[in-house]
């Protein structure tokens, strides 16, 4: 069963609790910078563990010490509670 897509008001409300995440189209995006590539990879590996545990996976772009996370629920066609739940879990260990 697909997770229902959130409406614009629900998205705005949930974004208030995630100030480092920005709405970009049908995704929420967070950009982070680390001291070097090794630290970037440690972070990405931790995100991978959380994503696997929740069975919800972000798009991840790594540019040496910069990491961009993008969340959307592809099979629902946009943002769902799963995206915001995962973003909150990621924020807990940063």
Protein backbone atom coordinates (compact mmCIF):
# COMPACT_ATOMS: atom_id res chain seq x y z
CA UNK A 1 0.00 0.00 0.00
CA UNK A 2 1.39 3.39 -1.01
CA UNK A 3 1.96 6.05 1.61
CA UNK A 4 -0.32 9.03 0.90
CA UNK A 5 1.27 12.12 -0.60
CA UNK A 6 1.22 15.18 1.67
CA UNK A 7 -0.51 18.39 0.61
CA UNK A 8 1.29 21.76 0.55
CA UNK A 9 0.04 22.78 4.00
CA UNK A 10 1.22 19.50 5.56
CA UNK A 11 4.61 19.88 3.86
CA UNK A 12 4.99 23.46 5.15
CA UNK A 13 4.07 22.38 8.68
CA UNK A 14 6.54 19.49 8.68
CA UNK A 15 9.33 21.64 7.24
CA UNK A 16 9.04 23.96 10.24
CA UNK A 17 10.42 21.13 12.38
CA UNK A 18 13.33 20.55 9.98
CA UNK A 19 14.91 24.00 9.49
CA UNK A 20 18.00 22.68 7.67
CA UNK A 21 15.91 20.99 4.96
CA UNK A 22 14.64 22.97 1.98
CA UNK A 23 11.76 22.24 -0.36
CA UNK A 24 12.93 21.83 -3.96
CA UNK A 25 10.08 20.78 -6.22
CA UNK A 26 8.76 17.45 -4.97
CA UNK A 27 11.77 16.81 -2.71
CA UNK A 28 13.22 17.99 0.56
CA UNK A 29 16.96 18.59 0.35
CA UNK A 30 19.73 19.06 2.90
CA UNK A 31 23.30 20.03 2.04
CA UNK A 32 26.11 19.30 4.47
CA UNK A 33 29.82 19.99 4.52
CA UNK A 34 32.44 17.93 6.34
CA UNK A 35 36.14 18.39 7.01
CA UNK A 36 37.16 15.87 4.33
CA UNK A 37 36.07 12.98 2.12
CA UNK A 38 36.50 10.37 4.86
CA UNK A 39 34.11 12.24 7.15
CA UNK A 40 31.63 12.58 4.28
CA UNK A 41 31.73 8.83 3.71
CA UNK A 42 31.29 8.05 7.41
CA UNK A 43 28.18 10.21 7.39
CA UNK A 44 26.83 8.61 4.21
CA UNK A 45 27.38 5.12 5.64
CA UNK A 46 25.39 6.06 8.76
CA UNK A 47 22.60 7.41 6.56
CA UNK A 48 22.66 4.12 4.64
CA UNK A 49 22.18 2.15 7.89
CA UNK A 50 19.18 4.27 8.87
CA UNK A 51 17.72 4.10 5.36
CA UNK A 52 17.98 0.32 5.29
CA UNK A 53 16.41 0.01 8.73
CA UNK A 54 13.45 2.15 7.65
CA UNK A 55 13.32 0.79 4.07
CA UNK A 56 13.22 4.35 2.78
CA UNK A 57 16.21 5.55 0.80
CA UNK A 58 17.41 9.07 -0.03
CA UNK A 59 19.19 10.14 -3.18
CA UNK A 60 22.74 10.98 -2.12
CA UNK A 61 25.30 13.09 -3.97
CA UNK A 62 28.88 13.19 -2.69
CA UNK A 63 31.31 15.87 -3.83
CA UNK A 64 34.46 15.27 -1.78
CA UNK A 65 33.54 16.96 1.54
CA UNK A 66 30.02 17.97 0.53
CA UNK A 67 26.99 15.70 0.76
CA UNK A 68 23.53 16.44 -0.59
CA UNK A 69 20.56 14.38 0.58
CA UNK A 70 17.29 14.45 -1.36
CA UNK A 71 14.13 12.80 -0.11
CA UNK A 72 10.90 12.02 -1.91
CA UNK A 73 8.64 8.99 -2.14
CA UNK A 74 8.85 7.98 -5.78
CA UNK A 75 6.02 5.42 -5.73
CA UNK A 76 3.67 8.00 -4.16
CA UNK A 77 4.67 10.72 -6.62
CA UNK A 78 5.92 13.23 -4.07
CA UNK A 79 6.54 13.91 -0.42
CA UNK A 80 5.07 11.68 2.28
CA UNK A 81 5.45 11.33 6.03
CA UNK A 82 8.21 8.78 5.35
CA UNK A 83 10.43 11.51 3.90
CA UNK A 84 10.02 13.76 6.92
CA UNK A 85 10.42 10.86 9.36
CA UNK A 86 13.71 9.86 7.73
CA UNK A 87 14.94 13.47 7.64
CA UNK A 88 14.25 13.77 11.37
CA UNK A 89 16.16 10.53 12.08
CA UNK A 90 19.11 11.77 10.05
CA UNK A 91 19.07 15.10 11.90
CA UNK A 92 19.27 13.28 15.25
CA UNK A 93 22.84 12.08 14.64
CA UNK A 94 24.32 15.13 12.90
